[in-house]
């Protein structure tokens, strides 16, 4: 649901696929965390606790509230895009 609200239609599929890749990597790595218990029995739980706090901070401070706002359905202008590349002298 978050990807539907945060990303315009033009880039929504890219965002969903990036989140899917991150989810699959997490699915592969998560069971390996419990091998850290050989070093220190409580270490896997500390790693999960730290990751939970990082997730909490990201959701609390970096995601905008979209309640009552008009959701964008178009791409932003080229100058306001994240990966905007200025034209070189040769291209002018």
PDB file of N, CA and C in Angstrom:
ATOM      1  N   UNK A   1       0.819  -1.186   0.000  1.00  0.00           N
ATOM      2  CA  UNK A   1       0.000   0.000   0.000  1.00  0.00           C
ATOM      3  C   UNK A   1       0.867   1.255   0.000  1.00  0.00           C
ATOM      4  N   UNK A   2       1.994   1.214   0.649  1.00  0.00           N
ATOM      5  CA  UNK A   2       2.855   2.390   0.709  1.00  0.00           C
ATOM      6  C   UNK A   2       3.376   2.754  -0.670  1.00  0.00           C
ATOM      7  N   UNK A   3       3.731   1.770  -1.472  1.00  0.00           N
ATOM      8  CA  UNK A   3       4.252   2.088  -2.803  1.00  0.00           C
ATOM      9  C   UNK A   3       3.183   2.718  -3.677  1.00  0.00           C
ATOM     10  N   UNK A   4       1.928   2.366  -3.487  1.00  0.00           N
ATOM     11  CA  UNK A   4       0.855   2.983  -4.267  1.00  0.00           C
ATOM     12  C   UNK A   4       0.704   4.457  -3.937  1.00  0.00           C
ATOM     13  N   UNK A   5       0.960   4.844  -2.702  1.00  0.00           N
ATOM     14  CA  UNK A   5       0.782   6.226  -2.294  1.00  0.00           C
ATOM     15  C   UNK A   5       2.012   7.085  -2.547  1.00  0.00           C
ATOM     16  N   UNK A   6       3.187   6.502  -2.508  1.00  0.00           N
ATOM     17  CA  UNK A   6       4.405   7.306  -2.602  1.00  0.00           C
ATOM     18  C   UNK A   6       4.896   7.540  -4.016  1.00  0.00           C
ATOM     19  N   UNK A   7       4.663   6.608  -4.897  1.00  0.00           N
ATOM     20  CA  UNK A   7       5.251   6.693  -6.227  1.00  0.00           C
ATOM     21  C   UNK A   7       4.183   6.957  -7.279  1.00  0.00           C
ATOM     22  N   UNK A   8       4.488   7.843  -8.245  1.00  0.00           N
ATOM     23  CA  UNK A   8       3.542   8.051  -9.346  1.00  0.00           C
ATOM     24  C   UNK A   8       3.441   6.808 -10.219  1.00  0.00           C
ATOM     25  N   UNK A   9       2.408   6.754 -11.002  1.00  0.00           N
ATOM     26  CA  UNK A   9       2.124   5.579 -11.818  1.00  0.00           C
ATOM     27  C   UNK A   9       3.281   5.205 -12.728  1.00  0.00           C
ATOM     28  N   UNK A  10       3.981   6.201 -13.250  1.00  0.00           N
ATOM     29  CA  UNK A  10       5.048   5.934 -14.221  1.00  0.00           C
ATOM     30  C   UNK A  10       6.206   5.144 -13.626  1.00  0.00           C
ATOM     31  N   UNK A  11       6.469   5.279 -12.339  1.00  0.00           N
ATOM     32  CA  UNK A  11       7.610   4.579 -11.736  1.00  0.00           C
ATOM     33  C   UNK A  11       7.188   3.555 -10.691  1.00  0.00           C
ATOM     34  N   UNK A  12       5.903   3.328 -10.552  1.00  0.00           N
ATOM     35  CA  UNK A  12       5.422   2.418  -9.513  1.00  0.00           C
ATOM     36  C   UNK A  12       5.919   0.992  -9.713  1.00  0.00           C
ATOM     37  N   UNK A  13       5.963   0.511 -10.943  1.00  0.00           N
ATOM     38  CA  UNK A  13       6.436  -0.856 -11.199  1.00  0.00           C
ATOM     39  C   UNK A  13       7.901  -1.016 -10.836  1.00  0.00           C
ATOM     40  N   UNK A  14       8.699   0.008 -11.092  1.00  0.00           N
ATOM     41  CA  UNK A  14      10.114  -0.047 -10.719  1.00  0.00           C
ATOM     42  C   UNK A  14      10.252  -0.108  -9.202  1.00  0.00           C
ATOM     43  N   UNK A  15       9.458   0.680  -8.487  1.00  0.00           N
ATOM     44  CA  UNK A  15       9.519   0.681  -7.027  1.00  0.00           C
ATOM     45  C   UNK A  15       9.079  -0.661  -6.452  1.00  0.00           C
ATOM     46  N   UNK A  16       8.022  -1.225  -6.995  1.00  0.00           N
ATOM     47  CA  UNK A  16       7.545  -2.528  -6.509  1.00  0.00           C
ATOM     48  C   UNK A  16       8.584  -3.608  -6.764  1.00  0.00           C
ATOM     49  N   UNK A  17       9.239  -3.575  -7.920  1.00  0.00           N
ATOM     50  CA  UNK A  17      10.257  -4.592  -8.199  1.00  0.00           C
ATOM     51  C   UNK A  17      11.477  -4.411  -7.307  1.00  0.00           C
ATOM     52  N   UNK A  18      11.867  -3.172  -7.005  1.00  0.00           N
ATOM     53  CA  UNK A  18      12.993  -2.948  -6.090  1.00  0.00           C
ATOM     54  C   UNK A  18      12.660  -3.454  -4.691  1.00  0.00           C
ATOM     55  N   UNK A  19      11.439  -3.217  -4.233  1.00  0.00           N
ATOM     56  CA  UNK A  19      11.028  -3.728  -2.928  1.00  0.00           C
ATOM     57  C   UNK A  19      10.950  -5.250  -2.920  1.00  0.00           C
ATOM     58  N   UNK A  20      10.574  -5.835  -4.031  1.00  0.00           N
ATOM     59  CA  UNK A  20      10.530  -7.291  -4.131  1.00  0.00           C
ATOM     60  C   UNK A  20      11.934  -7.888  -4.039  1.00  0.00           C
ATOM     61  N   UNK A  21      12.891  -7.247  -4.689  1.00  0.00           N
ATOM     62  CA  UNK A  21      14.283  -7.715  -4.608  1.00  0.00           C
ATOM     63  C   UNK A  21      14.792  -7.607  -3.175  1.00  0.00           C
ATOM     64  N   UNK A  22      14.517  -6.484  -2.508  1.00  0.00           N
ATOM     65  CA  UNK A  22      14.947  -6.320  -1.118  1.00  0.00           C
ATOM     66  C   UNK A  22      14.296  -7.364  -0.216  1.00  0.00           C
ATOM     67  N   UNK A  23      13.042  -7.678  -0.477  1.00  0.00           N
ATOM     68  CA  UNK A  23      12.347  -8.693   0.307  1.00  0.00           C
ATOM     69  C   UNK A  23      12.972 -10.068   0.124  1.00  0.00           C
ATOM     70  N   UNK A  24      13.328 -10.391  -1.103  1.00  0.00           N
ATOM     71  CA  UNK A  24      13.939 -11.703  -1.359  1.00  0.00           C
ATOM     72  C   UNK A  24      15.327 -11.804  -0.737  1.00  0.00           C
ATOM     73  N   UNK A  25      16.082 -10.718  -0.764  1.00  0.00           N
ATOM     74  CA  UNK A  25      17.398 -10.723  -0.114  1.00  0.00           C
ATOM     75  C   UNK A  25      17.228 -10.905   1.388  1.00  0.00           C
ATOM     76  N   UNK A  26      16.244 -10.227   1.972  1.00  0.00           N
ATOM     77  CA  UNK A  26      15.972 -10.393   3.397  1.00  0.00           C
ATOM     78  C   UNK A  26      15.556 -11.806   3.748  1.00  0.00           C
ATOM     79  N   UNK A  27      14.805 -12.437   2.864  1.00  0.00           N
ATOM     80  CA  UNK A  27      14.383 -13.819   3.083  1.00  0.00           C
ATOM     81  C   UNK A  27      15.571 -14.771   3.079  1.00  0.00           C
ATOM     82  N   UNK A  28      16.562 -14.480   2.267  1.00  0.00           N
ATOM     83  CA  UNK A  28      17.758 -15.328   2.206  1.00  0.00           C
ATOM     84  C   UNK A  28      18.670 -15.082   3.404  1.00  0.00           C
ATOM     85  N   UNK A  29      18.822 -13.826   3.801  1.00  0.00           N
ATOM     86  CA  UNK A  29      19.784 -13.468   4.853  1.00  0.00           C
ATOM     87  C   UNK A  29      19.244 -13.751   6.256  1.00  0.00           C
ATOM     88  N   UNK A  30      17.946 -13.601   6.474  1.00  0.00           N
ATOM     89  CA  UNK A  30      17.373 -13.711   7.817  1.00  0.00           C
ATOM     90  C   UNK A  30      17.701 -15.026   8.529  1.00  0.00           C
ATOM     91  N   UNK A  31      17.577 -16.189   7.902  1.00  0.00           N
ATOM     92  CA  UNK A  31      17.924 -17.415   8.628  1.00  0.00           C
ATOM     93  C   UNK A  31      19.410 -17.508   8.986  1.00  0.00           C
ATOM     94  N   UNK A  32      20.246 -16.823   8.223  1.00  0.00           N
ATOM     95  CA  UNK A  32      21.680 -16.874   8.495  1.00  0.00           C
ATOM     96  C   UNK A  32      22.051 -16.089   9.754  1.00  0.00           C
ATOM     97  N   UNK A  33      21.189 -15.173  10.176  1.00  0.00           N
ATOM     98  CA  UNK A  33      21.477 -14.378  11.370  1.00  0.00           C
ATOM     99  C   UNK A  33      21.628 -15.251  12.610  1.00  0.00           C
ATOM    100  N   UNK A  34      20.917 -16.349  12.655  1.00  0.00           N
ATOM    101  CA  UNK A  34      20.946 -17.159  13.862  1.00  0.00           C
ATOM    102  C   UNK A  34      22.225 -17.983  13.996  1.00  0.00           C
ATOM    103  N   UNK A  35      23.065 -17.970  12.967  1.00  0.00           N
ATOM    104  CA  UNK A  35      24.397 -18.549  13.125  1.00  0.00           C
ATOM    105  C   UNK A  35      25.285 -17.655  13.982  1.00  0.00           C
ATOM    106  N   UNK A  36      24.876 -16.401  14.167  1.00  0.00           N
ATOM    107  CA  UNK A  36      25.619 -15.506  15.053  1.00  0.00           C
ATOM    108  C   UNK A  36      25.510 -15.940  16.510  1.00  0.00           C
ATOM    109  N   UNK A  37      24.567 -16.812  16.821  1.00  0.00           N
ATOM    110  CA  UNK A  37      24.407 -17.298  18.194  1.00  0.00           C
ATOM    111  C   UNK A  37      25.611 -18.116  18.638  1.00  0.00           C
ATOM    112  N   UNK A  38      26.403 -18.618  17.687  1.00  0.00           N
ATOM    113  CA  UNK A  38      27.622 -19.337  18.058  1.00  0.00           C
ATOM    114  C   UNK A  38      28.643 -18.391  18.683  1.00  0.00           C
ATOM    115  N   UNK A  39      28.622 -17.134  18.261  1.00  0.00           N
ATOM    116  CA  UNK A  39      29.541 -16.134  18.810  1.00  0.00           C
ATOM    117  C   UNK A  39      29.042 -15.653  20.164  1.00  0.00           C
ATOM    118  N   UNK A  40      27.784 -15.235  20.198  1.00  0.00           N
ATOM    119  CA  UNK A  40      27.153 -14.742  21.420  1.00  0.00           C
ATOM    120  C   UNK A  40      25.671 -15.107  21.328  1.00  0.00           C
ATOM    121  N   UNK A  41      25.131 -15.809  22.308  1.00  0.00           N
ATOM    122  CA  UNK A  41      23.755 -16.316  22.180  1.00  0.00           C
ATOM    123  C   UNK A  41      22.690 -15.243  21.941  1.00  0.00           C
ATOM    124  N   UNK A  42      22.914 -14.050  22.417  1.00  0.00           N
ATOM    125  CA  UNK A  42      21.899 -13.008  22.289  1.00  0.00           C
ATOM    126  C   UNK A  42      22.116 -12.127  21.047  1.00  0.00           C
ATOM    127  N   UNK A  43      23.195 -12.322  20.326  1.00  0.00           N
ATOM    128  CA  UNK A  43      23.559 -11.474  19.193  1.00  0.00           C
ATOM    129  C   UNK A  43      22.518 -11.448  18.066  1.00  0.00           C
ATOM    130  N   UNK A  44      21.921 -12.558  17.659  1.00  0.00           N
ATOM    131  CA  UNK A  44      20.897 -12.470  16.602  1.00  0.00           C
ATOM    132  C   UNK A  44      19.718 -11.575  16.989  1.00  0.00           C
ATOM    133  N   UNK A  45      19.332 -11.641  18.244  1.00  0.00           N
ATOM    134  CA  UNK A  45      18.212 -10.828  18.697  1.00  0.00           C
ATOM    135  C   UNK A  45      18.587  -9.353  18.765  1.00  0.00           C
ATOM    136  N   UNK A  46      19.830  -9.058  19.104  1.00  0.00           N
ATOM    137  CA  UNK A  46      20.286  -7.668  19.098  1.00  0.00           C
ATOM    138  C   UNK A  46      20.309  -7.098  17.681  1.00  0.00           C
ATOM    139  N   UNK A  47      20.737  -7.904  16.720  1.00  0.00           N
ATOM    140  CA  UNK A  47      20.741  -7.458  15.320  1.00  0.00           C
ATOM    141  C   UNK A  47      19.316  -7.173  14.861  1.00  0.00           C
ATOM    142  N   UNK A  48      18.382  -8.052  15.177  1.00  0.00           N
ATOM    143  CA  UNK A  48      16.987  -7.833  14.793  1.00  0.00           C
ATOM    144  C   UNK A  48      16.392  -6.618  15.502  1.00  0.00           C
ATOM    145  N   UNK A  49      16.785  -6.379  16.744  1.00  0.00           N
ATOM    146  CA  UNK A  49      16.315  -5.210  17.479  1.00  0.00           C
ATOM    147  C   UNK A  49      16.820  -3.925  16.836  1.00  0.00           C
ATOM    148  N   UNK A  50      18.095  -3.899  16.466  1.00  0.00           N
ATOM    149  CA  UNK A  50      18.661  -2.715  15.810  1.00  0.00           C
ATOM    150  C   UNK A  50      17.980  -2.473  14.466  1.00  0.00           C
ATOM    151  N   UNK A  51      17.763  -3.525  13.689  1.00  0.00           N
ATOM    152  CA  UNK A  51      17.075  -3.374  12.404  1.00  0.00           C
ATOM    153  C   UNK A  51      15.646  -2.874  12.588  1.00  0.00           C
ATOM    154  N   UNK A  52      14.989  -3.314  13.650  1.00  0.00           N
ATOM    155  CA  UNK A  52      13.629  -2.836  13.924  1.00  0.00           C
ATOM    156  C   UNK A  52      13.617  -1.351  14.261  1.00  0.00           C
ATOM    157  N   UNK A  53      14.606  -0.893  15.027  1.00  0.00           N
ATOM    158  CA  UNK A  53      14.682   0.530  15.346  1.00  0.00           C
ATOM    159  C   UNK A  53      15.013   1.369  14.118  1.00  0.00           C
ATOM    160  N   UNK A  54      15.874   0.864  13.253  1.00  0.00           N
ATOM    161  CA  UNK A  54      16.179   1.576  12.005  1.00  0.00           C
ATOM    162  C   UNK A  54      14.918   1.684  11.154  1.00  0.00           C
ATOM    163  N   UNK A  55      14.158   0.612  11.070  1.00  0.00           N
ATOM    164  CA  UNK A  55      12.904   0.619  10.325  1.00  0.00           C
ATOM    165  C   UNK A  55      11.917   1.617  10.931  1.00  0.00           C
ATOM    166  N   UNK A  56      11.818   1.650  12.244  1.00  0.00           N
ATOM    167  CA  UNK A  56      10.928   2.586  12.924  1.00  0.00           C
ATOM    168  C   UNK A  56      11.311   4.026  12.619  1.00  0.00           C
ATOM    169  N   UNK A  57      12.590   4.330  12.682  1.00  0.00           N
ATOM    170  CA  UNK A  57      13.054   5.689  12.408  1.00  0.00           C
ATOM    171  C   UNK A  57      12.785   6.068  10.958  1.00  0.00           C
ATOM    172  N   UNK A  58      13.029   5.151  10.042  1.00  0.00           N
ATOM    173  CA  UNK A  58      12.768   5.436   8.622  1.00  0.00           C
ATOM    174  C   UNK A  58      11.292   5.709   8.376  1.00  0.00           C
ATOM    175  N   UNK A  59      10.420   4.907   8.935  1.00  0.00           N
ATOM    176  CA  UNK A  59       8.991   5.107   8.723  1.00  0.00           C
ATOM    177  C   UNK A  59       8.497   6.370   9.418  1.00  0.00           C
ATOM    178  N   UNK A  60       9.031   6.677  10.583  1.00  0.00           N
ATOM    179  CA  UNK A  60       8.539   7.810  11.352  1.00  0.00           C
ATOM    180  C   UNK A  60       8.980   9.149  10.774  1.00  0.00           C
ATOM    181  N   UNK A  61      10.221   9.236  10.307  1.00  0.00           N
ATOM    182  CA  UNK A  61      10.767  10.536   9.936  1.00  0.00           C
ATOM    183  C   UNK A  61      10.921  10.770   8.438  1.00  0.00           C
ATOM    184  N   UNK A  62      11.040   9.728   7.631  1.00  0.00           N
ATOM    185  CA  UNK A  62      11.351   9.932   6.227  1.00  0.00           C
ATOM    186  C   UNK A  62      10.174   9.725   5.283  1.00  0.00           C
ATOM    187  N   UNK A  63       9.130   9.050   5.712  1.00  0.00           N
ATOM    188  CA  UNK A  63       7.973   8.845   4.847  1.00  0.00           C
ATOM    189  C   UNK A  63       6.969   9.968   5.065  1.00  0.00           C
ATOM    190  N   UNK A  64       6.540  10.624   4.000  1.00  0.00           N
ATOM    191  CA  UNK A  64       5.586  11.732   4.165  1.00  0.00           C
ATOM    192  C   UNK A  64       4.176  11.218   4.448  1.00  0.00           C
ATOM    193  N   UNK A  65       3.400  12.036   5.132  1.00  0.00           N
ATOM    194  CA  UNK A  65       1.999  11.717   5.376  1.00  0.00           C
ATOM    195  C   UNK A  65       1.203  12.062   4.123  1.00  0.00           C
ATOM    196  N   UNK A  66       0.409  11.133   3.620  1.00  0.00           N
ATOM    197  CA  UNK A  66      -0.335  11.358   2.382  1.00  0.00           C
ATOM    198  C   UNK A  66      -1.835  11.495   2.616  1.00  0.00           C
ATOM    199  N   UNK A  67      -2.259  11.536   3.866  1.00  0.00           N
ATOM    200  CA  UNK A  67      -3.686  11.647   4.155  1.00  0.00           C
ATOM    201  C   UNK A  67      -4.191  13.027   3.725  1.00  0.00           C
ATOM    202  N   UNK A  68      -5.200  13.030   2.872  1.00  0.00           N
ATOM    203  CA  UNK A  68      -5.810  14.273   2.434  1.00  0.00           C
ATOM    204  C   UNK A  68      -5.037  15.031   1.368  1.00  0.00           C
ATOM    205  N   UNK A  69      -3.956  14.463   0.848  1.00  0.00           N
ATOM    206  CA  UNK A  69      -3.188  15.144  -0.195  1.00  0.00           C
ATOM    207  C   UNK A  69      -3.500  14.527  -1.549  1.00  0.00           C
ATOM    208  N   UNK A  70      -3.295  15.323  -2.570  1.00  0.00           N
ATOM    209  CA  UNK A  70      -3.498  14.853  -3.930  1.00  0.00           C
ATOM    210  C   UNK A  70      -2.277  14.035  -4.338  1.00  0.00           C
ATOM    211  N   UNK A  71      -2.489  12.782  -4.696  1.00  0.00           N
ATOM    212  CA  UNK A  71      -1.380  11.918  -5.065  1.00  0.00           C
ATOM    213  C   UNK A  71      -0.987  12.173  -6.511  1.00  0.00           C
ATOM    214  N   UNK A  72       0.303  12.345  -6.741  1.00  0.00           N
ATOM    215  CA  UNK A  72       0.785  12.638  -8.077  1.00  0.00           C
ATOM    216  C   UNK A  72       0.608  11.465  -9.020  1.00  0.00           C
ATOM    217  N   UNK A  73       0.179  11.770 -10.217  1.00  0.00           N
ATOM    218  CA  UNK A  73      -0.009  10.727 -11.214  1.00  0.00           C
ATOM    219  C   UNK A  73       0.839  11.003 -12.450  1.00  0.00           C
ATOM    220  N   UNK A  74       1.854  11.820 -12.289  1.00  0.00           N
ATOM    221  CA  UNK A  74       2.743  12.147 -13.396  1.00  0.00           C
ATOM    222  C   UNK A  74       4.166  12.278 -12.876  1.00  0.00           C
ATOM    223  N   UNK A  75       5.093  12.249 -13.787  1.00  0.00           N
ATOM    224  CA  UNK A  75       6.502  12.375 -13.427  1.00  0.00           C
ATOM    225  C   UNK A  75       6.810  13.828 -13.079  1.00  0.00           C
ATOM    226  N   UNK A  76       7.707  14.064 -12.116  1.00  0.00           N
ATOM    227  CA  UNK A  76       8.115  15.440 -11.835  1.00  0.00           C
ATOM    228  C   UNK A  76       8.933  15.997 -12.997  1.00  0.00           C
ATOM    229  N   UNK A  77       9.068  17.314 -13.089  1.00  0.00           N
ATOM    230  CA  UNK A  77       9.893  17.870 -14.163  1.00  0.00           C
ATOM    231  C   UNK A  77      11.332  17.373 -14.067  1.00  0.00           C
ATOM    232  N   UNK A  78      12.039  17.421 -15.168  1.00  0.00           N
ATOM    233  CA  UNK A  78      13.399  16.872 -15.206  1.00  0.00           C
ATOM    234  C   UNK A  78      14.310  17.497 -14.161  1.00  0.00           C
ATOM    235  N   UNK A  79      14.128  18.761 -13.861  1.00  0.00           N
ATOM    236  CA  UNK A  79      15.017  19.432 -12.907  1.00  0.00           C
ATOM    237  C   UNK A  79      14.768  19.006 -11.471  1.00  0.00           C
ATOM    238  N   UNK A  80      13.633  18.392 -11.176  1.00  0.00           N
ATOM    239  CA  UNK A  80      13.321  17.977  -9.807  1.00  0.00           C
ATOM    240  C   UNK A  80      13.437  16.477  -9.597  1.00  0.00           C
ATOM    241  N   UNK A  81      13.914  15.755 -10.579  1.00  0.00           N
ATOM    242  CA  UNK A  81      14.073  14.310 -10.432  1.00  0.00           C
ATOM    243  C   UNK A  81      15.311  14.001  -9.607  1.00  0.00           C
ATOM    244  N   UNK A  82      15.293  12.863  -8.962  1.00  0.00           N
ATOM    245  CA  UNK A  82      16.409  12.472  -8.105  1.00  0.00           C
ATOM    246  C   UNK A  82      17.656  12.199  -8.931  1.00  0.00           C
ATOM    247  N   UNK A  83      17.506  11.511 -10.027  1.00  0.00           N
ATOM    248  CA  UNK A  83      18.654  11.154 -10.862  1.00  0.00           C
ATOM    249  C   UNK A  83      18.779  12.096 -12.053  1.00  0.00           C
ATOM    250  N   UNK A  84      18.588  13.385 -11.814  1.00  0.00           N
ATOM    251  CA  UNK A  84      18.655  14.380 -12.884  1.00  0.00           C
ATOM    252  C   UNK A  84      20.108  14.600 -13.285  1.00  0.00           C
ATOM    253  N   UNK A  85      20.338  14.583 -14.584  1.00  0.00           N
ATOM    254  CA  UNK A  85      21.683  14.818 -15.107  1.00  0.00           C
ATOM    255  C   UNK A  85      21.651  16.098 -15.924  1.00  0.00           C
ATOM    256  N   UNK A  86      22.470  17.055 -15.538  1.00  0.00           N
ATOM    257  CA  UNK A  86      22.528  18.302 -16.289  1.00  0.00           C
ATOM    258  C   UNK A  86      23.174  18.049 -17.640  1.00  0.00           C
ATOM    259  N   UNK A  87      22.772  18.835 -18.619  1.00  0.00           N
ATOM    260  CA  UNK A  87      23.335  18.680 -19.952  1.00  0.00           C
ATOM    261  C   UNK A  87      24.766  19.195 -19.962  1.00  0.00           C
ATOM    262  N   UNK A  88      25.578  18.534 -20.719  1.00  0.00           N
ATOM    263  CA  UNK A  88      26.955  18.991 -20.854  1.00  0.00           C
ATOM    264  C   UNK A  88      27.025  20.103 -21.890  1.00  0.00           C
ATOM    265  N   UNK A  89      28.162  20.726 -21.989  1.00  0.00           N
ATOM    266  CA  UNK A  89      28.359  21.811 -22.946  1.00  0.00           C
ATOM    267  C   UNK A  89      28.207  21.293 -24.366  1.00  0.00           C
ATOM    268  N   UNK A  90      28.617  20.066 -24.610  1.00  0.00           N
ATOM    269  CA  UNK A  90      28.564  19.508 -25.956  1.00  0.00           C
ATOM    270  C   UNK A  90      27.140  19.257 -26.428  1.00  0.00           C
ATOM    271  N   UNK A  91      26.205  19.025 -25.509  1.00  0.00           N
ATOM    272  CA  UNK A  91      24.832  18.716 -25.890  1.00  0.00           C
ATOM    273  C   UNK A  91      24.006  19.959 -26.178  1.00  0.00           C
ATOM    274  N   UNK A  92      24.488  21.140 -25.812  1.00  0.00           N
ATOM    275  CA  UNK A  92      23.721  22.379 -26.008  1.00  0.00           C
ATOM    276  C   UNK A  92      23.741  22.860 -27.393  1.00  0.00           C
TER     277      UNK A  92
END
